[in-house]
Amino acid sequence: MRKTSRASDLRAMLERRRSELRNEVKGRIRDARSATDRDRTTEHEGLESDVQADIQLSVIQLKADTLRRIDSALRRLEEGTYGHCIECQEAISKERLLALPFAARCTGCQQARETTQQQRSWVGPRRSYDPLTLDV
């Protein structure tokens, strides 16, 4: 019964956070639209307004990503796989889940994933060397 109570508490916490984030994203989108409309009506085009719009968009994207992670955690909770790594299926530590309730990977698998992503970003797109097209 303790496990059911924990699952219910977790579900309620995730759903509450999802609701808060949805409201916040909707508000930020509304604010961004009104700012864009305001900029159009005053014809104020400048670096500052562009930077503000970029920041708003980045925040919205981060929050939308968090919403997707929460939805995924709720699905795993329904399926009975919540708390297990999606890579190695081992249990995710309680400490990690307390800090990041929508964690999908154990610490080891998450670190390995981040390392791989960093290595890919360092390599970047490969370009072939063709001396005939070399700009001098």
Protein backbone atom coordinates (compact mmCIF):
# COMPACT_ATOMS: atom_id res chain seq x y z
CA MET A 1 0.00 0.00 0.00
CA ARG A 2 2.94 2.30 0.67
CA LYS A 3 4.06 1.96 -2.96
CA THR A 4 0.57 2.91 -4.22
CA SER A 5 0.56 5.97 -1.98
CA ARG A 6 3.99 6.99 -3.26
CA ALA A 7 2.84 6.54 -6.86
CA SER A 8 -0.27 8.63 -6.16
CA ASP A 9 1.79 11.34 -4.50
CA LEU A 10 4.26 11.33 -7.36
CA ARG A 11 1.51 11.45 -9.97
CA ALA A 12 -0.15 14.37 -8.17
CA MET A 13 3.17 16.25 -7.93
CA LEU A 14 3.97 15.68 -11.61
CA GLU A 15 0.47 16.69 -12.71
CA ARG A 16 0.61 19.82 -10.54
CA ARG A 17 3.98 20.77 -12.02
CA ARG A 18 2.69 20.05 -15.54
CA SER A 19 -0.30 22.34 -14.95
CA GLU A 20 1.95 25.11 -13.60
CA LEU A 21 4.30 24.83 -16.57
CA ARG A 22 1.46 24.79 -19.12
CA ASN A 23 0.01 27.97 -17.62
CA GLU A 24 3.44 29.58 -17.57
CA VAL A 25 4.17 28.61 -21.20
CA LYS A 26 0.78 29.94 -22.32
CA GLY A 27 1.45 33.19 -20.48
CA ARG A 28 4.91 33.56 -22.00
CA ILE A 29 3.57 32.87 -25.49
CA ARG A 30 0.86 35.48 -24.94
CA ASP A 31 3.46 37.97 -23.68
CA ALA A 32 5.75 37.27 -26.63
CA ARG A 33 2.89 37.78 -29.09
CA SER A 34 1.84 41.05 -27.50
CA ALA A 35 5.45 42.25 -27.47
CA THR A 36 5.76 41.36 -31.15
CA ASP A 37 2.52 43.19 -31.93
CA ARG A 38 3.69 46.19 -29.90
CA ASP A 39 7.01 46.25 -31.78
CA ARG A 40 5.14 46.14 -35.08
CA THR A 41 2.84 49.00 -34.17
CA THR A 42 5.64 51.23 -32.93
CA GLU A 43 7.98 50.03 -35.67
CA HIS A 44 10.64 49.70 -33.01
CA GLU A 45 13.17 47.36 -34.47
CA GLY A 46 16.33 47.02 -32.54
CA LEU A 47 18.84 44.63 -31.16
CA GLU A 48 17.36 44.81 -27.67
CA SER A 49 13.90 43.69 -28.75
CA ASP A 50 15.42 40.90 -30.86
CA VAL A 51 17.47 39.69 -27.89
CA GLN A 52 14.41 39.79 -25.63
CA ALA A 53 12.41 37.80 -28.18
CA ASP A 54 15.20 35.22 -28.44
CA ILE A 55 15.36 34.90 -24.65
CA GLN A 56 11.58 34.47 -24.45
CA LEU A 57 11.68 31.79 -27.14
CA SER A 58 14.50 29.93 -25.36
CA VAL A 59 12.60 29.96 -22.07
CA ILE A 60 9.45 28.70 -23.78
CA GLN A 61 11.44 25.90 -25.45
CA LEU A 62 13.01 24.85 -22.14
CA LYS A 63 9.66 24.77 -20.40
CA ALA A 64 8.04 22.88 -23.28
CA ASP A 65 10.85 20.31 -23.07
CA THR A 66 10.22 19.95 -19.34
CA LEU A 67 6.52 19.41 -20.09
CA ARG A 68 7.40 16.60 -22.52
CA ARG A 69 9.60 15.00 -19.86
CA ILE A 70 6.82 15.20 -17.29
CA ASP A 71 4.33 13.65 -19.73
CA SER A 72 6.84 10.87 -20.38
CA ALA A 73 7.30 10.29 -16.63
CA LEU A 74 3.52 10.08 -16.18
CA ARG A 75 3.33 7.49 -19.00
CA ARG A 76 6.11 5.45 -17.37
CA LEU A 77 4.26 5.69 -14.08
CA GLU A 78 1.11 4.30 -15.73
CA GLU A 79 3.12 1.52 -17.39
CA GLY A 80 4.85 0.60 -14.15
CA THR A 81 8.32 1.39 -15.51
CA TYR A 82 8.81 4.67 -13.66
CA GLY A 83 12.03 4.75 -11.65
CA HIS A 84 13.86 2.42 -14.03
CA CYS A 85 16.43 3.61 -16.56
CA ILE A 86 15.17 3.56 -20.15
CA GLU A 87 18.66 2.51 -21.28
CA CYS A 88 19.80 -0.23 -18.88
CA GLN A 89 16.50 -0.89 -17.02
CA GLU A 90 18.30 -0.63 -13.67
CA ALA A 91 16.66 1.31 -10.84
CA ILE A 92 17.27 5.06 -10.84
CA SER A 93 18.52 6.18 -7.43
CA LYS A 94 15.99 7.72 -5.06
CA GLU A 95 18.23 10.76 -4.69
CA ARG A 96 18.19 11.36 -8.45
CA LEU A 97 14.41 10.96 -8.62
CA LEU A 98 13.95 13.36 -5.71
CA ALA A 99 16.11 15.96 -7.44
CA LEU A 100 14.71 15.29 -10.92
CA PRO A 101 11.35 13.46 -10.67
CA PHE A 102 11.08 13.06 -14.44
CA ALA A 103 14.55 11.52 -14.87
CA ALA A 104 14.44 8.78 -17.50
CA ARG A 105 18.02 7.54 -17.13
CA CYS A 106 20.21 6.50 -14.24
CA THR A 107 23.19 8.74 -13.52
CA GLY A 108 25.64 6.46 -15.33
CA CYS A 109 23.58 6.22 -18.53
CA GLN A 110 22.85 9.95 -18.49
CA GLN A 111 26.54 10.78 -18.13
CA ALA A 112 27.42 8.40 -20.98
CA ARG A 113 24.76 10.03 -23.17
CA GLU A 114 26.04 13.53 -22.41
CA THR A 115 29.62 12.47 -23.11
CA THR A 116 28.59 11.03 -26.48
CA GLN A 117 26.68 14.22 -27.34
CA GLN A 118 29.69 16.36 -26.41
CA GLN A 119 31.98 14.25 -28.55
CA ARG A 120 29.62 14.58 -31.49
CA SER A 121 29.46 18.35 -31.09
CA TRP A 122 33.28 18.58 -30.98
CA VAL A 123 33.65 16.62 -34.19
CA GLY A 124 31.03 18.62 -36.09
CA PRO A 125 30.31 18.09 -39.73
CA ARG A 126 33.21 16.57 -41.62
CA ARG A 127 34.39 18.35 -44.71
CA SER A 128 36.38 16.68 -47.37
CA TYR A 129 39.55 18.30 -48.60
CA ASP A 130 39.42 19.18 -52.26
CA PRO A 131 42.39 21.32 -53.42
CA LEU A 132 40.52 22.34 -56.58
CA THR A 133 37.80 24.13 -54.58
CA LEU A 134 40.09 25.66 -51.98
CA ASP A 135 39.63 29.42 -51.74
CA VAL A 136 42.92 31.23 -51.53
